[in-house]
Amino acid sequence: MKESDIQNLIRLTLSERSEVTHWRNNTGSGWQSNELLRGPRRCVDMNPGDVLLRNARPLHAGLCKGSSDLIGMKSVEITQEMVGQRVAVFVAVEVKNKGGRVTKEQQHFGDTVLNAGGIFAIARSPADVEGL
């Protein structure tokens, strides 16, 4: 099964739980520019679908390298001095297929979440998020 199919099943499972809110964390990089064609016109050979950017600069989207596929929060009730109040605990789910490996950056992100008191899971099926 493809990782995207597993992820969709996991998202459906999480959406059935009222105490967990999650979002897809799309990451990637590309180029951006707000420059229009200026200055002397020159001929540029371009193929269909090509886009010419002037004064281009890199754009990095998403949280950070290694951040999990799904991020969100779990609402939990605090006991004793904060009885009845609710707090949100950060949740990060890294989705992998059967043979998928967690990268060093992904594990570091997960360890950071765990060390800060959040929840981190590597999920290969919806069953892996049922205990969150």
N, C-alpha and C. Protein backbone atom coordinates (compact mmCIF):
# COMPACT_ATOMS: atom_id res chain seq x y z
N MET A 1 0.84 -1.17 0.00
CA MET A 1 0.00 0.00 0.00
C MET A 1 0.89 1.24 0.00
N LYS A 2 0.50 2.24 -0.79
CA LYS A 2 1.29 3.47 -0.87
C LYS A 2 1.18 4.26 0.43
N GLU A 3 2.24 5.02 0.73
CA GLU A 3 2.26 5.83 1.94
C GLU A 3 1.10 6.83 1.97
N SER A 4 0.74 7.39 0.82
CA SER A 4 -0.35 8.35 0.78
C SER A 4 -1.69 7.69 1.12
N ASP A 5 -1.87 6.43 0.70
CA ASP A 5 -3.10 5.69 1.05
C ASP A 5 -3.16 5.42 2.55
N ILE A 6 -2.02 5.03 3.12
CA ILE A 6 -1.95 4.79 4.57
C ILE A 6 -2.25 6.09 5.31
N GLN A 7 -1.67 7.17 4.84
CA GLN A 7 -1.89 8.47 5.48
C GLN A 7 -3.37 8.87 5.46
N ASN A 8 -4.03 8.64 4.35
CA ASN A 8 -5.46 8.97 4.26
C ASN A 8 -6.28 8.14 5.25
N LEU A 9 -5.96 6.87 5.40
CA LEU A 9 -6.66 6.03 6.37
C LEU A 9 -6.40 6.51 7.80
N ILE A 10 -5.16 6.90 8.07
CA ILE A 10 -4.82 7.41 9.39
C ILE A 10 -5.56 8.71 9.67
N ARG A 11 -5.65 9.57 8.68
CA ARG A 11 -6.36 10.85 8.86
C ARG A 11 -7.84 10.60 9.15
N LEU A 12 -8.42 9.62 8.48
CA LEU A 12 -9.82 9.28 8.76
C LEU A 12 -9.98 8.78 10.20
N THR A 13 -9.05 7.94 10.64
CA THR A 13 -9.09 7.42 12.01
C THR A 13 -8.98 8.56 13.02
N LEU A 14 -8.04 9.47 12.81
CA LEU A 14 -7.85 10.59 13.73
C LEU A 14 -9.06 11.53 13.73
N SER A 15 -9.70 11.70 12.58
CA SER A 15 -10.84 12.62 12.49
C SER A 15 -12.04 12.12 13.28
N GLU A 16 -12.08 10.83 13.60
CA GLU A 16 -13.17 10.27 14.39
C GLU A 16 -13.01 10.54 15.88
N ARG A 17 -11.86 11.06 16.28
CA ARG A 17 -11.58 11.32 17.69
C ARG A 17 -11.72 12.81 17.96
N SER A 18 -12.67 13.18 18.80
CA SER A 18 -12.95 14.60 19.05
C SER A 18 -11.82 15.28 19.81
N GLU A 19 -11.01 14.54 20.55
CA GLU A 19 -9.95 15.17 21.34
C GLU A 19 -8.66 15.40 20.54
N VAL A 20 -8.61 14.91 19.31
CA VAL A 20 -7.41 15.09 18.47
C VAL A 20 -7.76 15.92 17.25
N THR A 21 -6.99 16.99 17.04
CA THR A 21 -7.10 17.81 15.84
C THR A 21 -5.78 17.69 15.10
N HIS A 22 -5.83 17.47 13.80
CA HIS A 22 -4.57 17.30 13.07
C HIS A 22 -4.64 18.00 11.71
N TRP A 23 -3.46 18.26 11.16
CA TRP A 23 -3.32 18.87 9.84
C TRP A 23 -2.22 18.14 9.09
N ARG A 24 -2.35 18.15 7.78
CA ARG A 24 -1.30 17.61 6.92
C ARG A 24 -0.20 18.66 6.86
N ASN A 25 1.01 18.25 7.11
CA ASN A 25 2.15 19.16 7.09
C ASN A 25 2.92 18.95 5.78
N ASN A 26 2.55 19.72 4.78
CA ASN A 26 3.26 19.64 3.51
C ASN A 26 4.58 20.39 3.61
N THR A 27 5.63 19.74 3.18
CA THR A 27 6.94 20.39 3.18
C THR A 27 7.52 20.32 1.78
N GLY A 28 8.42 21.22 1.51
CA GLY A 28 9.07 21.21 0.20
C GLY A 28 9.81 22.51 -0.02
N SER A 29 10.34 22.64 -1.20
CA SER A 29 11.05 23.87 -1.55
C SER A 29 10.83 24.17 -3.03
N GLY A 30 11.02 25.40 -3.36
CA GLY A 30 10.85 25.85 -4.73
C GLY A 30 11.45 27.24 -4.88
N TRP A 31 11.03 27.91 -5.90
CA TRP A 31 11.53 29.25 -6.17
C TRP A 31 10.36 30.22 -6.26
N GLN A 32 10.59 31.44 -5.83
CA GLN A 32 9.56 32.47 -5.90
C GLN A 32 10.17 33.77 -6.41
N SER A 33 9.32 34.59 -6.96
CA SER A 33 9.74 35.89 -7.46
C SER A 33 8.51 36.76 -7.60
N ASN A 34 8.67 38.04 -7.42
CA ASN A 34 7.57 38.96 -7.68
C ASN A 34 7.95 39.93 -8.80
N GLU A 35 9.00 39.62 -9.50
CA GLU A 35 9.47 40.48 -10.59
C GLU A 35 8.76 40.15 -11.89
N LEU A 36 8.32 41.17 -12.56
CA LEU A 36 7.79 41.02 -13.90
C LEU A 36 8.94 41.25 -14.88
N LEU A 37 8.68 41.00 -16.14
CA LEU A 37 9.73 41.27 -17.14
C LEU A 37 10.03 42.76 -17.15
N ARG A 38 11.27 43.10 -16.90
CA ARG A 38 11.70 44.51 -16.87
C ARG A 38 12.98 44.65 -17.66
N GLY A 39 13.30 45.86 -17.96
CA GLY A 39 14.55 46.12 -18.66
C GLY A 39 14.45 45.74 -20.12
N PRO A 40 15.60 45.74 -20.79
CA PRO A 40 15.58 45.41 -22.21
C PRO A 40 15.09 43.98 -22.43
N ARG A 41 14.25 43.85 -23.44
CA ARG A 41 13.70 42.52 -23.75
C ARG A 41 14.76 41.70 -24.49
N ARG A 42 14.87 40.47 -24.09
CA ARG A 42 15.79 39.56 -24.75
C ARG A 42 15.03 38.29 -25.10
N CYS A 43 15.49 37.62 -26.11
CA CYS A 43 14.86 36.36 -26.49
C CYS A 43 15.35 35.25 -25.56
N VAL A 44 14.43 34.49 -25.08
CA VAL A 44 14.75 33.36 -24.23
C VAL A 44 13.99 32.16 -24.78
N ASP A 45 14.70 31.08 -25.06
CA ASP A 45 14.03 29.86 -25.51
C ASP A 45 13.37 29.20 -24.32
N MET A 46 12.06 28.96 -24.46
CA MET A 46 11.32 28.31 -23.39
C MET A 46 10.48 27.19 -23.97
N ASN A 47 10.33 26.14 -23.21
CA ASN A 47 9.51 25.02 -23.59
C ASN A 47 8.11 25.19 -23.00
N PRO A 48 7.12 24.48 -23.54
CA PRO A 48 5.78 24.56 -22.95
C PRO A 48 5.83 24.20 -21.46
N GLY A 49 5.19 25.01 -20.64
CA GLY A 49 5.17 24.78 -19.20
C GLY A 49 6.29 25.45 -18.45
N ASP A 50 7.30 25.99 -19.14
CA ASP A 50 8.39 26.69 -18.48
C ASP A 50 7.90 28.03 -17.95
N VAL A 51 8.48 28.47 -16.86
CA VAL A 51 8.19 29.76 -16.28
C VAL A 51 9.53 30.45 -16.04
N LEU A 52 9.61 31.69 -16.41
CA LEU A 52 10.83 32.46 -16.21
C LEU A 52 10.66 33.36 -14.99
N LEU A 53 11.52 33.20 -14.00
CA LEU A 53 11.50 34.02 -12.80
C LEU A 53 12.69 34.95 -12.82
N ARG A 54 12.45 36.20 -12.55
CA ARG A 54 13.54 37.16 -12.45
C ARG A 54 13.76 37.49 -10.98
N ASN A 55 15.01 37.65 -10.60
CA ASN A 55 15.37 37.89 -9.20
C ASN A 55 14.75 36.84 -8.29
N ALA A 56 14.85 35.60 -8.69
CA ALA A 56 14.25 34.50 -7.94
C ALA A 56 14.99 34.28 -6.62
N ARG A 57 14.24 33.78 -5.65
CA ARG A 57 14.82 33.42 -4.36
C ARG A 57 14.16 32.12 -3.90
N PRO A 58 14.87 31.33 -3.10
CA PRO A 58 14.31 30.05 -2.67
C PRO A 58 13.16 30.24 -1.69
N LEU A 59 12.22 29.32 -1.73
CA LEU A 59 11.10 29.30 -0.80
C LEU A 59 11.05 27.92 -0.17
N HIS A 60 11.07 27.89 1.14
CA HIS A 60 10.98 26.62 1.88
C HIS A 60 9.62 26.59 2.57
N ALA A 61 8.82 25.56 2.30
CA ALA A 61 7.48 25.46 2.85
C ALA A 61 7.42 24.34 3.89
N GLY A 62 6.54 24.50 4.85
CA GLY A 62 6.40 23.52 5.91
C GLY A 62 7.15 23.95 7.15
N LEU A 63 7.11 23.12 8.17
CA LEU A 63 7.75 23.47 9.43
C LEU A 63 9.27 23.50 9.32
N CYS A 64 9.87 22.35 9.14
CA CYS A 64 11.32 22.25 9.05
C CYS A 64 11.67 20.90 8.44
N LYS A 65 12.89 20.75 8.05
CA LYS A 65 13.32 19.46 7.50
C LYS A 65 13.16 18.40 8.58
N GLY A 66 12.50 17.31 8.22
CA GLY A 66 12.28 16.23 9.15
C GLY A 66 10.97 16.32 9.92
N SER A 67 10.23 17.42 9.76
CA SER A 67 8.97 17.53 10.50
C SER A 67 7.99 16.47 10.01
N SER A 68 7.12 16.05 10.90
CA SER A 68 6.23 14.91 10.64
C SER A 68 5.17 15.22 9.60
N ASP A 69 4.64 14.15 8.98
CA ASP A 69 3.61 14.26 7.94
C ASP A 69 2.33 14.87 8.49
N LEU A 70 1.96 14.48 9.69
CA LEU A 70 0.75 14.99 10.33
C LEU A 70 1.14 15.65 11.64
N ILE A 71 0.61 16.82 11.88
CA ILE A 71 0.85 17.51 13.14
C ILE A 71 -0.50 17.93 13.70
N GLY A 72 -0.54 18.17 14.98
CA GLY A 72 -1.79 18.61 15.57
C GLY A 72 -1.69 18.71 17.07
N MET A 73 -2.84 18.52 17.71
CA MET A 73 -2.89 18.63 19.16
C MET A 73 -3.95 17.68 19.70
N LYS A 74 -3.70 17.26 20.92
CA LYS A 74 -4.64 16.40 21.62
C LYS A 74 -5.08 17.15 22.87
N SER A 75 -6.37 17.29 23.06
CA SER A 75 -6.91 17.96 24.21
C SER A 75 -6.93 17.00 25.38
N VAL A 76 -6.30 17.39 26.47
CA VAL A 76 -6.26 16.55 27.66
C VAL A 76 -6.71 17.35 28.87
N GLU A 77 -7.29 16.68 29.84
CA GLU A 77 -7.73 17.34 31.06
C GLU A 77 -6.64 17.21 32.12
N ILE A 78 -6.36 18.34 32.76
CA ILE A 78 -5.35 18.39 33.82
C ILE A 78 -6.02 18.09 35.16
N THR A 79 -5.31 17.45 36.04
CA THR A 79 -5.87 17.10 37.35
C THR A 79 -5.37 18.05 38.44
N GLN A 80 -5.92 17.96 39.61
CA GLN A 80 -5.60 18.69 40.84
C GLN A 80 -5.71 20.19 40.68
N GLU A 81 -4.60 20.94 40.67
CA GLU A 81 -4.68 22.41 40.72
C GLU A 81 -5.35 23.02 39.50
N MET A 82 -5.43 22.31 38.40
CA MET A 82 -6.05 22.84 37.18
C MET A 82 -7.28 22.01 36.80
N VAL A 83 -7.94 21.44 37.78
CA VAL A 83 -9.06 20.54 37.53
C VAL A 83 -10.09 21.20 36.61
N GLY A 84 -10.51 20.44 35.61
CA GLY A 84 -11.54 20.92 34.70
C GLY A 84 -11.03 21.71 33.52
N GLN A 85 -9.80 22.22 33.59
CA GLN A 85 -9.26 22.96 32.46
C GLN A 85 -8.70 21.98 31.45
N ARG A 86 -8.64 22.42 30.22
CA ARG A 86 -8.09 21.57 29.18
C ARG A 86 -6.85 22.25 28.60
N VAL A 87 -5.90 21.44 28.22
CA VAL A 87 -4.70 21.95 27.55
C VAL A 87 -4.49 21.13 26.28
N ALA A 88 -3.76 21.70 25.36
CA ALA A 88 -3.46 21.00 24.10
C ALA A 88 -2.03 20.47 24.16
N VAL A 89 -1.88 19.20 23.86
CA VAL A 89 -0.57 18.57 23.79
C VAL A 89 -0.23 18.39 22.31
N PHE A 90 0.95 18.81 21.92
CA PHE A 90 1.39 18.72 20.52
C PHE A 90 1.49 17.26 20.10
N VAL A 91 0.98 16.96 18.91
CA VAL A 91 1.02 15.61 18.37
C VAL A 91 1.71 15.63 17.01
N ALA A 92 2.62 14.69 16.78
CA ALA A 92 3.29 14.56 15.50
C ALA A 92 3.25 13.08 15.08
N VAL A 93 2.78 12.83 13.87
CA VAL A 93 2.69 11.46 13.36
C VAL A 93 3.49 11.37 12.07
N GLU A 94 4.48 10.51 12.05
CA GLU A 94 5.27 10.25 10.86
C GLU A 94 4.70 9.00 10.20
N VAL A 95 4.21 9.14 8.97
CA VAL A 95 3.57 8.02 8.27
C VAL A 95 4.60 7.32 7.39
N LYS A 96 4.65 6.00 7.51
CA LYS A 96 5.56 5.19 6.70
C LYS A 96 4.81 3.96 6.20
N ASN A 97 5.20 3.50 5.02
CA ASN A 97 4.64 2.23 4.55
C ASN A 97 5.44 1.09 5.19
N LYS A 98 5.12 -0.13 4.83
CA LYS A 98 5.73 -1.30 5.47
C LYS A 98 7.25 -1.25 5.48
N GLY A 99 7.86 -0.87 4.37
CA GLY A 99 9.32 -0.86 4.28
C GLY A 99 9.95 0.51 4.48
N GLY A 100 9.14 1.52 4.76
CA GLY A 100 9.65 2.89 4.88
C GLY A 100 10.51 3.08 6.12
N ARG A 101 11.56 3.84 5.97
CA ARG A 101 12.50 4.10 7.07
C ARG A 101 12.39 5.55 7.52
N VAL A 102 12.52 5.75 8.79
CA VAL A 102 12.52 7.08 9.37
C VAL A 102 13.91 7.67 9.19
N THR A 103 13.98 8.89 8.64
CA THR A 103 15.29 9.53 8.45
C THR A 103 15.81 10.06 9.79
N LYS A 104 17.09 10.38 9.81
CA LYS A 104 17.69 10.94 11.01
C LYS A 104 16.99 12.24 11.41
N GLU A 105 16.65 13.07 10.42
CA GLU A 105 15.97 14.34 10.69
C GLU A 105 14.57 14.11 11.25
N GLN A 106 13.85 13.12 10.72
CA GLN A 106 12.51 12.81 11.21
C GLN A 106 12.56 12.29 12.64
N GLN A 107 13.53 11.44 12.94
CA GLN A 107 13.67 10.93 14.31
C GLN A 107 14.03 12.05 15.27
N HIS A 108 14.91 12.96 14.83
CA HIS A 108 15.28 14.11 15.67
C HIS A 108 14.06 14.97 15.97
N PHE A 109 13.22 15.22 14.97
CA PHE A 109 11.99 15.99 15.18
C PHE A 109 11.11 15.28 16.20
N GLY A 110 10.93 13.98 16.03
CA GLY A 110 10.11 13.20 16.96
C GLY A 110 10.67 13.21 18.38
N ASP A 111 11.98 13.08 18.51
CA ASP A 111 12.61 13.12 19.83
C ASP A 111 12.42 14.48 20.49
N THR A 112 12.49 15.54 19.69
CA THR A 112 12.29 16.90 20.21
C THR A 112 10.86 17.05 20.74
N VAL A 113 9.89 16.53 20.00
CA VAL A 113 8.49 16.58 20.43
C VAL A 113 8.34 15.81 21.75
N LEU A 114 8.87 14.60 21.81
CA LEU A 114 8.76 13.77 23.02
C LEU A 114 9.43 14.43 24.22
N ASN A 115 10.63 14.98 24.01
CA ASN A 115 11.38 15.60 25.11
C ASN A 115 10.67 16.85 25.65
N ALA A 116 9.84 17.48 24.83
CA ALA A 116 9.09 18.66 25.26
C ALA A 116 7.73 18.29 25.87
N GLY A 117 7.44 17.00 25.95
CA GLY A 117 6.18 16.56 26.55
C GLY A 117 5.07 16.30 25.55
N GLY A 118 5.40 16.32 24.26
CA GLY A 118 4.41 16.05 23.23
C GLY A 118 4.29 14.57 22.93
N ILE A 119 3.51 14.27 21.92
CA ILE A 119 3.26 12.90 21.50
C ILE A 119 3.83 12.72 20.10
N PHE A 120 4.61 11.67 19.90
CA PHE A 120 5.18 11.36 18.59
C PHE A 120 4.92 9.89 18.29
N ALA A 121 4.47 9.62 17.08
CA ALA A 121 4.23 8.23 16.68
C ALA A 121 4.70 8.01 15.25
N ILE A 122 5.24 6.85 15.01
CA ILE A 122 5.52 6.39 13.66
C ILE A 122 4.38 5.44 13.33
N ALA A 123 3.62 5.76 12.30
CA ALA A 123 2.42 4.99 12.00
C ALA A 123 2.54 4.33 10.63
N ARG A 124 2.33 3.03 10.62
CA ARG A 124 2.31 2.26 9.38
C ARG A 124 0.91 1.77 9.05
N SER A 125 -0.03 2.06 9.97
CA SER A 125 -1.43 1.70 9.77
C SER A 125 -2.27 2.53 10.73
N PRO A 126 -3.59 2.61 10.51
CA PRO A 126 -4.46 3.34 11.42
C PRO A 126 -4.38 2.82 12.87
N ALA A 127 -4.12 1.53 13.03
CA ALA A 127 -4.03 0.96 14.38
C ALA A 127 -2.93 1.62 15.20
N ASP A 128 -1.91 2.13 14.55
CA ASP A 128 -0.79 2.75 15.25
C ASP A 128 -1.13 4.10 15.87
N VAL A 129 -2.26 4.69 15.52
CA VAL A 129 -2.64 5.99 16.11
C VAL A 129 -3.84 5.86 17.05
N GLU A 130 -4.39 4.67 17.18
CA GLU A 130 -5.56 4.50 18.05
C GLU A 130 -5.25 4.75 19.51
N GLY A 131 -4.04 4.53 19.94
CA GLY A 131 -3.67 4.73 21.34
C GLY A 131 -3.15 6.12 21.68
N LEU A 132 -3.14 7.01 20.72
CA LEU A 132 -2.62 8.37 21.00
C LEU A 132 -3.44 9.06 22.05
